[in-house]
Amino acid sequence: MRKAAFSLQFLIIISLLSPVAANATPDESFGSKHDEELKTPRLPSARLFDRLQSVYKYFSLAPEVESQPFFQDLQGKQNLENIVQILPYLDPTNSFDRFYSLQNQKLIVYQDLSVKTVKDYEVELASKGTQEPVKKISDLGTPEKPLAGIRIAIDPGHMGSDYWDKETGKYIVDHKGHKLSEGVLTLQVALLLEKELQALGAEVFVTRRDFVPVTTLSLNNFDFRAFAREKMRDSNLDNWFQNLLTSTPLDQEPDDVLYGHFVQSPYIKKMFSEFMRGTYYVQEADVQARAQNINLFKPDIALMIHFDAAIQVKDPQGINSRHFDRTKAYVLGGFAFDEMGTREARRNFGRVLLNRQTWESSLGLARSIVASFDTNMGIGPDSGHDASNINVEKGVIARNLEIIRLIEAQASSLVECLYYNDPQEFDALLAQDHFMTIGGNSYSYSNRLIQVVQSLRDGVTNFVNSL
């Protein structure tokens, strides 16, 4: 993390204080010095880029969308000082270095790895010391209606019901057969939270109101091969893909031998197999539908509601053997090297990098919610437990989660409210203290769930008040 910050601080010096350096050829130092660290061989990228396009064509992958139009609203609005402050949380391994250069106060991003000859997009940077004015979410709030004029989208994670629980594995069962479904809990929280936020003046949109997918596609009939092609494109920086790409001599034109290596690859076979239908449906089609519907609502704040579980290998759907209960909230960040292989990926990264205010607003929202859970319920902040998590602070984690990445809002966060397979939480959440009707049927919920709703409500309200 320190390396990323240092490199851009150095870059500020040479680009803003040294006229000669600012007009030099594309910077090489930010691509070459990390090759060994990233464990990716430095190969003639111009040749590899052309070969990659031929493989895409062979597998009928559609041309990628042009990136430049997505940056018209960001021209001249962000300076290097602002970028350097959030970069360590977005790019902890300095992977973006291999795709960009700075020339004449412009951030130029390329499609071809390291060599940087095929331009993707460019963004004019603001001069040193200038900063875009802070956008206020709303000035319409009153003491009685502090959320007046604010649009809030809520996405209850997963789906619920026995069928979808079996498909996703998002449920917990104790030794007596009592079951808690994450998809049921998140929907109940969303519907209760909707009423609380509306009472405070907010306009609220909930992505689903029953135990069903959000996507209108049919699980058994949708064309999953379209998602397989995108999965293939997304994988082009993986080691196995790079090995296939160089499996025939680079001075030789791509031919059936090269394409045959891809066709016979177990990775490619799996991507295009019927086995992946359910995965693409739940993790891609449904997630994309949720994000699309949220963006159509044009929210100021977007909340994704989830519950966590400390998975035990021998009993993935069982109660945790020990007490472990925490809260954490995710913001976008932690992009890995192999997650930057497409124009869409680098476009998404660039828009986050050049939207410091939006990222910091999301950070403020996440921070406020985590603090609210601690104050209201005595549940302390959790930390990230794997390499893809970047701990911004206690309980607030930067991670490249698709649902957050696709959402356009001034502040967005995915909240893991608590560990519902914690033995104490499981019993508390199982209590039948109240009932609500969903899809014509009655479902019980507990006082503990009401506390979750109140913590989310107060977290959102405190965040808005802090603005």
Protein backbone atom coordinates (compact mmCIF):
# COMPACT_ATOMS: atom_id res chain seq x y z
CA MET A 1 0.00 0.00 0.00
CA ARG A 2 2.82 2.39 0.81
CA LYS A 3 4.46 1.62 -2.54
CA ALA A 4 1.38 2.77 -4.47
CA ALA A 5 1.20 6.03 -2.54
CA PHE A 6 4.92 6.67 -2.93
CA SER A 7 4.90 6.09 -6.67
CA LEU A 8 2.16 8.61 -7.31
CA GLN A 9 3.65 11.15 -4.93
CA PHE A 10 6.81 10.87 -7.00
CA LEU A 11 4.69 11.18 -10.11
CA ILE A 12 3.18 14.42 -8.82
CA ILE A 13 6.66 15.86 -8.43
CA ILE A 14 7.87 14.99 -11.92
CA SER A 15 4.63 15.91 -13.71
CA LEU A 16 3.73 19.12 -11.91
CA LEU A 17 7.09 20.56 -10.87
CA SER A 18 9.23 19.51 -13.83
CA PRO A 19 8.14 20.80 -17.26
CA VAL A 20 10.60 18.51 -19.03
CA ALA A 21 9.27 15.38 -17.32
CA ALA A 22 5.66 16.40 -17.89
CA ASN A 23 6.23 16.47 -21.65
CA ALA A 24 8.29 13.31 -21.81
CA THR A 25 7.33 10.09 -23.50
CA PRO A 26 4.91 7.73 -21.66
CA ASP A 27 6.33 6.86 -18.28
CA GLU A 28 7.98 3.45 -18.09
CA SER A 29 8.83 3.25 -14.41
CA PHE A 30 5.31 2.45 -13.31
CA GLY A 31 4.98 -0.63 -15.51
CA SER A 32 8.33 -2.33 -15.47
CA LYS A 33 9.26 -2.29 -11.80
CA HIS A 34 6.28 -4.40 -10.75
CA ASP A 35 6.63 -7.26 -13.24
CA GLU A 36 8.37 -9.57 -10.81
CA GLU A 37 6.02 -8.60 -7.98
CA LEU A 38 2.95 -9.44 -10.08
CA LYS A 39 4.55 -12.68 -11.28
CA THR A 40 3.49 -12.01 -14.86
CA PRO A 41 6.17 -12.33 -17.57
CA ARG A 42 7.02 -9.20 -19.52
CA LEU A 43 6.16 -10.13 -23.10
CA PRO A 44 5.82 -8.12 -26.29
CA SER A 45 2.37 -6.76 -25.52
CA ALA A 46 1.71 -5.35 -28.98
CA ARG A 47 1.98 -8.87 -30.42
CA LEU A 48 -0.01 -10.35 -27.54
CA PHE A 49 -2.73 -7.73 -27.88
CA ASP A 50 -3.27 -8.58 -31.55
CA ARG A 51 -3.27 -12.28 -30.71
CA LEU A 52 -5.78 -11.70 -27.92
CA GLN A 53 -8.16 -9.96 -30.32
CA SER A 54 -7.93 -12.89 -32.74
CA VAL A 55 -8.88 -15.32 -29.95
CA TYR A 56 -11.85 -13.14 -29.03
CA LYS A 57 -12.96 -13.13 -32.66
CA TYR A 58 -12.65 -16.91 -32.90
CA PHE A 59 -14.95 -17.31 -29.88
CA SER A 60 -17.39 -14.69 -31.25
CA LEU A 61 -16.85 -12.18 -28.46
CA ALA A 62 -18.47 -8.87 -29.32
CA PRO A 63 -16.23 -5.79 -29.65
CA GLU A 64 -15.77 -3.95 -26.38
CA VAL A 65 -17.63 -0.70 -25.78
CA GLU A 66 -15.65 2.51 -26.33
CA SER A 67 -14.57 4.02 -23.00
CA GLN A 68 -13.97 7.69 -23.84
CA PRO A 69 -17.64 8.82 -23.68
CA PHE A 70 -17.85 7.63 -20.06
CA PHE A 71 -15.31 10.26 -19.01
CA GLN A 72 -16.78 13.43 -20.47
CA ASP A 73 -18.27 14.42 -17.09
CA LEU A 74 -14.91 13.93 -15.37
CA GLN A 75 -12.69 16.06 -17.60
CA GLY A 76 -10.65 18.58 -15.62
CA LYS A 77 -12.32 17.84 -12.28
CA GLN A 78 -9.75 15.82 -10.35
CA ASN A 79 -6.12 16.59 -9.55
CA LEU A 80 -3.22 14.30 -8.73
CA GLU A 81 -3.21 15.18 -5.04
CA ASN A 82 -6.75 13.87 -4.69
CA ILE A 83 -5.99 10.75 -6.71
CA VAL A 84 -2.96 9.81 -4.65
CA GLN A 85 -4.98 9.84 -1.44
CA ILE A 86 -7.39 7.09 -2.46
CA LEU A 87 -5.21 5.08 -4.86
CA PRO A 88 -3.75 2.76 -2.17
CA TYR A 89 -7.27 1.55 -1.35
CA LEU A 90 -8.21 1.06 -4.99
CA ASP A 91 -4.98 -0.45 -6.33
CA PRO A 92 -2.93 -2.00 -3.51
CA THR A 93 -0.65 -3.93 -5.90
CA ASN A 94 0.05 -1.01 -8.29
CA SER A 95 -1.52 -2.99 -11.12
CA PHE A 96 -2.99 0.05 -12.86
CA ASP A 97 0.57 1.30 -13.42
CA ARG A 98 0.89 -1.10 -16.34
CA PHE A 99 -2.03 0.44 -18.21
CA TYR A 100 -1.58 4.20 -17.90
CA SER A 101 0.79 7.10 -18.38
CA LEU A 102 0.71 10.80 -17.54
CA GLN A 103 1.39 13.28 -20.32
CA ASN A 104 0.72 17.02 -20.36
CA GLN A 105 -1.69 16.95 -17.41
CA LYS A 106 -3.61 14.04 -18.92
CA LEU A 107 -4.21 10.57 -17.55
CA ILE A 108 -3.97 8.26 -20.58
CA VAL A 109 -5.13 4.67 -20.23
CA TYR A 110 -4.18 1.95 -22.73
CA GLN A 111 -5.64 -1.36 -23.81
CA ASP A 112 -2.37 -3.23 -24.27
CA LEU A 113 -0.45 -4.36 -21.22
CA SER A 114 2.85 -2.56 -20.40
CA VAL A 115 3.81 -1.47 -23.94
CA LYS A 116 0.99 1.12 -23.96
CA THR A 117 0.43 1.75 -27.65
CA VAL A 118 -3.34 1.20 -28.09
CA LYS A 119 -5.21 4.01 -26.35
CA ASP A 120 -8.38 3.28 -24.38
CA TYR A 121 -9.33 6.66 -22.90
CA GLU A 122 -7.78 9.88 -21.63
CA VAL A 123 -8.84 12.36 -18.97
CA GLU A 124 -7.69 15.93 -18.46
CA LEU A 125 -6.57 16.49 -14.88
CA ALA A 126 -7.18 19.63 -12.87
CA SER A 127 -4.25 21.80 -11.90
CA LYS A 128 -2.64 21.46 -8.50
CA GLY A 129 -4.76 22.78 -5.65
CA THR A 130 -8.07 22.92 -7.55
CA GLN A 131 -10.88 20.64 -6.47
CA GLU A 132 -14.44 20.05 -7.60
CA PRO A 133 -17.00 21.62 -5.22
CA VAL A 134 -18.57 19.15 -2.79
CA LYS A 135 -22.03 18.06 -3.91
CA LYS A 136 -24.65 18.05 -1.18
CA ILE A 137 -27.04 15.12 -1.18
CA SER A 138 -30.00 17.25 -0.07
CA ASP A 139 -30.79 20.60 1.52
CA LEU A 140 -34.46 19.77 2.06
CA GLY A 141 -34.21 18.01 5.42
CA THR A 142 -35.90 19.26 8.57
CA PRO A 143 -35.59 18.12 12.21
CA GLU A 144 -38.80 16.10 11.76
CA LYS A 145 -37.91 14.84 8.26
CA PRO A 146 -34.11 14.75 8.13
CA LEU A 147 -34.13 12.57 4.98
CA ALA A 148 -36.55 14.73 2.99
CA GLY A 149 -35.56 14.97 -0.67
CA ILE A 150 -33.17 12.00 -0.49
CA ARG A 151 -33.57 8.95 -2.71
CA ILE A 152 -32.41 5.68 -1.14
CA ALA A 153 -32.17 2.30 -2.89
CA ILE A 154 -32.13 -0.89 -0.82
CA ASP A 155 -31.05 -4.23 -2.24
CA PRO A 156 -31.93 -7.24 -0.04
CA GLY A 157 -29.18 -9.75 -0.80
CA HIS A 158 -29.89 -13.19 -2.29
CA MET A 159 -33.42 -14.52 -2.80
CA GLY A 160 -34.81 -16.66 0.01
CA SER A 161 -37.20 -19.65 -0.20
CA ASP A 162 -36.23 -23.31 0.00
CA TYR A 163 -35.57 -23.52 -3.74
CA TRP A 164 -33.18 -20.56 -3.96
CA ASP A 165 -31.57 -21.35 -0.62
CA LYS A 166 -30.61 -24.74 -2.04
CA GLU A 167 -29.25 -23.09 -5.21
CA THR A 168 -27.17 -20.50 -3.33
CA GLY A 169 -26.36 -22.20 -0.01
CA LYS A 170 -27.27 -19.00 1.85
CA TYR A 171 -28.97 -20.49 4.90
CA ILE A 172 -28.16 -21.87 8.36
CA VAL A 173 -29.74 -24.90 10.07
CA ASP A 174 -29.27 -25.97 13.69
CA HIS A 175 -29.22 -29.57 14.97
CA LYS A 176 -32.99 -29.40 15.61
CA GLY A 177 -33.74 -28.50 12.01
CA HIS A 178 -34.53 -24.83 12.66
CA LYS A 179 -33.56 -22.75 9.64
CA LEU A 180 -32.61 -19.15 8.98
CA SER A 181 -32.46 -17.99 5.36
CA GLU A 182 -30.26 -15.01 4.53
CA GLY A 183 -32.56 -14.12 1.63
CA VAL A 184 -35.56 -14.04 3.99
CA LEU A 185 -33.74 -12.00 6.65
CA THR A 186 -32.47 -9.42 4.16
CA LEU A 187 -35.91 -8.93 2.61
CA GLN A 188 -37.55 -8.49 6.00
CA VAL A 189 -34.89 -5.94 6.94
CA ALA A 190 -35.36 -4.09 3.64
CA LEU A 191 -39.16 -3.85 3.98
CA LEU A 192 -38.98 -2.72 7.60
CA LEU A 193 -36.19 -0.26 6.83
CA GLU A 194 -38.17 1.15 3.93
CA LYS A 195 -40.95 2.21 6.32
CA GLU A 196 -38.47 3.73 8.77
CA LEU A 197 -36.71 5.78 6.09
CA GLN A 198 -39.98 6.90 4.49
CA ALA A 199 -41.15 8.14 7.89
CA LEU A 200 -38.04 10.32 7.95
CA GLY A 201 -38.87 11.79 4.54
CA ALA A 202 -36.84 9.64 2.16
CA GLU A 203 -38.03 8.28 -1.17
CA VAL A 204 -37.15 4.57 -1.11
CA PHE A 205 -36.79 1.86 -3.75
CA VAL A 206 -36.41 -1.85 -2.86
CA THR A 207 -35.10 -4.14 -5.60
CA ARG A 208 -37.28 -7.15 -4.67
CA ARG A 209 -40.40 -7.66 -2.55
CA ASP A 210 -40.69 -11.43 -2.61
CA PHE A 211 -38.47 -14.49 -2.52
CA VAL A 212 -37.64 -14.38 -6.20
CA PRO A 213 -34.78 -13.29 -8.46
CA VAL A 214 -34.71 -9.70 -9.68
CA THR A 215 -33.74 -10.63 -13.22
CA THR A 216 -36.57 -11.36 -15.64
CA LEU A 217 -34.51 -14.10 -17.30
CA SER A 218 -35.57 -17.70 -16.82
CA LEU A 219 -33.01 -19.93 -15.07
CA ASN A 220 -33.68 -22.89 -17.36
CA ASN A 221 -33.91 -21.02 -20.66
CA PHE A 222 -31.52 -18.03 -20.65
CA ASP A 223 -28.48 -18.08 -22.92
CA PHE A 224 -25.69 -18.55 -20.40
CA ARG A 225 -23.09 -18.65 -23.19
CA ALA A 226 -23.21 -14.86 -23.42
CA PHE A 227 -22.04 -14.72 -19.81
CA ALA A 228 -19.44 -17.41 -20.53
CA ARG A 229 -17.94 -15.22 -23.25
CA GLU A 230 -17.68 -12.30 -20.86
CA LYS A 231 -16.17 -14.58 -18.22
CA MET A 232 -13.58 -15.61 -20.77
CA ARG A 233 -12.77 -11.98 -21.56
CA ASP A 234 -12.53 -11.15 -17.86
CA SER A 235 -9.99 -13.96 -17.41
CA ASN A 236 -7.45 -12.80 -19.97
CA LEU A 237 -4.86 -11.75 -17.37
CA ASP A 238 -5.03 -15.04 -15.45
CA ASN A 239 -1.86 -17.10 -15.68
CA TRP A 240 -3.60 -20.02 -17.40
CA PHE A 241 -5.00 -17.68 -20.07
CA GLN A 242 -1.63 -16.04 -20.66
CA ASN A 243 -0.02 -19.47 -20.95
CA LEU A 244 -2.53 -20.44 -23.62
CA LEU A 245 -1.99 -17.17 -25.43
CA THR A 246 1.74 -17.89 -25.71
CA SER A 247 1.39 -21.62 -26.38
CA THR A 248 2.50 -21.15 -30.00
CA PRO A 249 5.45 -18.98 -31.15
CA LEU A 250 4.70 -15.26 -30.97
CA ASP A 251 6.24 -14.64 -34.39
CA GLN A 252 3.69 -17.03 -35.86
CA GLU A 253 0.23 -15.89 -36.93
CA PRO A 254 -2.65 -17.23 -34.80
CA ASP A 255 -3.91 -20.49 -36.27
CA ASP A 256 -6.07 -23.52 -35.51
CA VAL A 257 -3.37 -24.93 -33.26
CA LEU A 258 -3.56 -21.91 -30.97
CA TYR A 259 -7.36 -21.85 -31.03
CA GLY A 260 -7.41 -25.58 -30.37
CA HIS A 261 -5.44 -25.07 -27.17
CA PHE A 262 -8.18 -22.72 -25.96
CA VAL A 263 -10.98 -25.03 -27.05
CA GLN A 264 -9.41 -27.95 -25.16
CA SER A 265 -8.61 -25.94 -22.04
CA PRO A 266 -10.46 -27.26 -18.95
CA TYR A 267 -11.01 -23.65 -17.87
CA ILE A 268 -12.75 -22.77 -21.13
CA LYS A 269 -14.72 -26.01 -21.14
CA LYS A 270 -16.01 -25.28 -17.66
CA MET A 271 -16.99 -21.70 -18.58
CA PHE A 272 -19.14 -22.95 -21.46
CA SER A 273 -20.56 -26.00 -19.68
CA GLU A 274 -24.16 -26.41 -18.52
CA PHE A 275 -22.71 -26.80 -15.03
CA MET A 276 -22.18 -23.02 -14.89
CA ARG A 277 -25.78 -22.04 -15.73
CA GLY A 278 -26.83 -21.52 -12.10
CA THR A 279 -23.68 -19.60 -11.23
CA TYR A 280 -24.09 -17.17 -14.12
CA TYR A 281 -27.76 -16.75 -13.29
CA VAL A 282 -27.29 -15.93 -9.60
CA GLN A 283 -23.92 -14.18 -9.63
CA GLU A 284 -24.15 -12.33 -12.95
CA ALA A 285 -27.62 -12.01 -14.45
CA ASP A 286 -29.40 -11.32 -11.17
CA VAL A 287 -26.71 -9.00 -9.79
CA GLN A 288 -26.68 -7.00 -13.02
CA ALA A 289 -30.48 -6.70 -12.95
CA ARG A 290 -30.38 -5.37 -9.39
CA ALA A 291 -27.78 -2.76 -10.31
CA GLN A 292 -29.65 -1.75 -13.46
CA ASN A 293 -32.91 -1.23 -11.55
CA ILE A 294 -31.13 0.77 -8.86
CA ASN A 295 -29.52 3.01 -11.47
CA LEU A 296 -32.88 3.62 -13.13
CA PHE A 297 -34.12 4.88 -9.75
CA LYS A 298 -31.15 7.31 -9.64
CA PRO A 299 -30.54 7.11 -5.88
CA ASP A 300 -28.45 9.39 -3.73
CA ILE A 301 -27.68 6.47 -1.39
CA ALA A 302 -27.58 2.75 -2.18
CA LEU A 303 -27.53 0.06 0.53
CA MET A 304 -26.96 -3.63 -0.12
CA ILE A 305 -28.13 -5.69 2.87
CA HIS A 306 -26.45 -8.99 3.74
CA PHE A 307 -25.76 -11.25 6.74
CA ASP A 308 -22.41 -12.92 7.30
CA ALA A 309 -21.42 -16.44 8.40
CA ALA A 310 -18.21 -17.89 9.79
CA ILE A 311 -18.10 -20.94 7.52
CA GLN A 312 -17.03 -24.24 9.01
CA VAL A 313 -15.60 -26.67 6.46
CA LYS A 314 -17.30 -29.76 7.86
CA ASP A 315 -20.69 -28.06 8.25
CA PRO A 316 -21.03 -25.03 5.91
CA GLN A 317 -24.70 -24.49 6.78
CA GLY A 318 -24.30 -25.19 10.50
CA ILE A 319 -24.14 -23.08 13.63
CA ASN A 320 -20.70 -21.72 14.46
CA SER A 321 -19.03 -23.76 17.17
CA ARG A 322 -17.97 -20.62 19.03
CA HIS A 323 -19.27 -17.12 19.60
CA PHE A 324 -18.14 -14.81 16.81
CA ASP A 325 -20.20 -11.76 15.87
CA ARG A 326 -19.10 -8.62 14.01
CA THR A 327 -20.33 -5.96 11.57
CA LYS A 328 -18.58 -4.73 8.44
CA ALA A 329 -19.42 -2.53 5.48
CA TYR A 330 -17.81 -2.65 2.04
CA VAL A 331 -16.93 0.19 -0.31
CA LEU A 332 -15.51 -0.21 -3.78
CA GLY A 333 -11.76 -0.82 -4.02
CA GLY A 334 -9.06 -3.48 -3.82
CA PHE A 335 -8.85 -4.03 -7.59
CA ALA A 336 -6.50 -6.94 -8.31
CA PHE A 337 -4.21 -7.23 -11.33
CA ASP A 338 -6.29 -9.96 -12.96
CA GLU A 339 -9.39 -7.76 -12.59
CA MET A 340 -8.11 -5.11 -15.01
CA GLY A 341 -7.98 -7.12 -18.22
CA THR A 342 -10.95 -5.53 -20.01
CA ARG A 343 -11.90 -2.07 -21.15
CA GLU A 344 -14.94 -2.19 -18.90
CA ALA A 345 -12.77 -3.07 -15.88
CA ARG A 346 -10.30 -0.25 -16.50
CA ARG A 347 -13.18 2.10 -17.22
CA ASN A 348 -14.81 1.23 -13.89
CA PHE A 349 -11.50 1.67 -12.10
CA GLY A 350 -10.87 5.02 -13.76
CA ARG A 351 -14.29 6.38 -12.85
CA VAL A 352 -13.77 5.46 -9.21
CA LEU A 353 -10.26 6.91 -9.20
CA LEU A 354 -11.51 10.19 -10.63
CA ASN A 355 -14.54 10.37 -8.31
CA ARG A 356 -12.84 10.89 -5.00
CA GLN A 357 -15.86 12.65 -3.49
CA THR A 358 -18.16 9.75 -4.32
CA TRP A 359 -15.69 7.27 -2.85
CA GLU A 360 -15.29 9.33 0.31
CA SER A 361 -19.07 9.71 0.63
CA SER A 362 -19.38 5.93 0.43
CA LEU A 363 -16.68 5.65 3.06
CA GLY A 364 -18.61 8.03 5.30
CA LEU A 365 -21.81 6.04 4.86
CA ALA A 366 -20.07 2.75 5.67
CA ARG A 367 -18.32 4.27 8.68
CA SER A 368 -21.58 5.66 10.05
CA ILE A 369 -23.43 2.36 9.70
CA VAL A 370 -20.68 0.34 11.39
CA ALA A 371 -20.60 2.83 14.28
CA SER A 372 -24.38 2.64 14.59
CA PHE A 373 -24.32 -1.15 14.97
CA ASP A 374 -21.70 -0.78 17.68
CA THR A 375 -23.70 1.87 19.54
CA ASN A 376 -27.17 0.31 19.18
CA MET A 377 -26.38 -3.40 19.39
CA GLY A 378 -22.92 -3.67 20.88
CA ILE A 379 -21.61 -5.46 17.78
CA GLY A 380 -18.03 -4.41 17.11
CA PRO A 381 -16.39 -3.85 13.72
CA ASP A 382 -15.06 -6.77 11.69
CA SER A 383 -11.95 -6.85 9.54
CA GLY A 384 -11.26 -8.39 6.16
CA HIS A 385 -10.21 -12.03 6.25
CA ASP A 386 -8.69 -12.59 2.81
CA ALA A 387 -6.28 -11.01 0.37
CA SER A 388 -9.02 -9.35 -1.70
CA ASN A 389 -10.05 -7.18 1.27
CA ILE A 390 -8.31 -3.88 1.99
CA ASN A 391 -9.03 -2.62 5.49
CA VAL A 392 -9.65 1.12 5.21
CA GLU A 393 -10.39 1.28 8.93
CA LYS A 394 -12.03 -0.95 11.52
CA GLY A 395 -15.16 -2.44 10.00
CA VAL A 396 -14.84 -0.60 6.66
CA ILE A 397 -13.35 -2.65 3.84
CA ALA A 398 -12.51 -1.81 0.24
CA ARG A 399 -13.25 -4.65 -2.19
CA ASN A 400 -14.07 -4.96 -5.87
CA LEU A 401 -17.61 -6.30 -5.47
CA GLU A 402 -19.65 -6.31 -8.68
CA ILE A 403 -22.90 -5.02 -7.19
CA ILE A 404 -21.15 -1.92 -5.78
CA ARG A 405 -19.06 -1.48 -8.92
CA LEU A 406 -22.13 -1.32 -11.15
CA ILE A 407 -24.17 1.08 -9.03
CA GLU A 408 -24.23 4.81 -9.72
CA ALA A 409 -24.99 6.69 -6.50
CA GLN A 410 -23.32 9.41 -4.49
CA ALA A 411 -22.80 6.94 -1.62
CA SER A 412 -22.95 3.13 -1.83
CA SER A 413 -22.13 0.37 0.63
CA LEU A 414 -22.71 -3.34 1.09
CA VAL A 415 -23.37 -4.11 4.75
CA GLU A 416 -22.78 -7.48 6.44
CA CYS A 417 -25.07 -6.75 9.40
CA LEU A 418 -23.95 -9.55 11.71
CA TYR A 419 -22.94 -13.23 11.76
CA TYR A 420 -26.22 -15.10 11.64
CA ASN A 421 -24.59 -18.46 12.32
CA ASP A 422 -23.25 -17.14 15.62
CA PRO A 423 -25.01 -19.35 18.23
CA GLN A 424 -26.41 -16.39 20.20
CA GLU A 425 -27.51 -14.47 17.10
CA PHE A 426 -29.11 -17.54 15.56
CA ASP A 427 -31.34 -18.04 18.61
CA ALA A 428 -32.17 -14.33 18.83
CA LEU A 429 -33.07 -14.06 15.14
CA LEU A 430 -35.16 -17.24 15.30
CA ALA A 431 -37.59 -15.73 17.85
CA GLN A 432 -41.14 -15.24 16.57
CA ASP A 433 -41.88 -11.85 18.11
CA HIS A 434 -43.69 -10.30 15.13
CA PHE A 435 -45.20 -11.29 11.77
CA MET A 436 -45.31 -9.75 8.32
CA THR A 437 -46.98 -10.75 5.06
CA ILE A 438 -44.81 -11.40 2.01
CA GLY A 439 -46.26 -12.77 -1.21
CA GLY A 440 -49.53 -13.59 0.52
CA ASN A 441 -47.88 -15.64 3.29
CA SER A 442 -47.09 -14.81 6.90
CA TYR A 443 -43.47 -14.81 8.09
CA SER A 444 -42.21 -14.27 11.62
CA TYR A 445 -39.37 -11.98 12.61
CA SER A 446 -37.65 -11.13 15.86
CA ASN A 447 -36.99 -8.11 18.05
CA ARG A 448 -33.33 -8.64 17.18
CA LEU A 449 -34.12 -7.98 13.53
CA ILE A 450 -35.82 -4.74 14.52
CA GLN A 451 -32.57 -3.70 16.20
CA VAL A 452 -30.75 -4.38 12.92
CA VAL A 453 -33.23 -2.15 11.10
CA GLN A 454 -32.86 0.62 13.66
CA SER A 455 -29.07 0.46 13.41
CA LEU A 456 -29.22 0.82 9.63
CA ARG A 457 -31.72 3.66 9.92
CA ASP A 458 -29.60 5.55 12.42
CA GLY A 459 -26.45 4.92 10.40
CA VAL A 460 -28.03 6.47 7.30
CA THR A 461 -29.53 9.38 9.24
CA ASN A 462 -26.28 10.16 11.04
CA PHE A 463 -24.43 10.07 7.74
CA VAL A 464 -26.84 12.54 6.13
CA ASN A 465 -26.72 14.80 9.17
CA SER A 466 -22.92 14.81 9.02
CA LEU A 467 -23.07 16.36 5.54
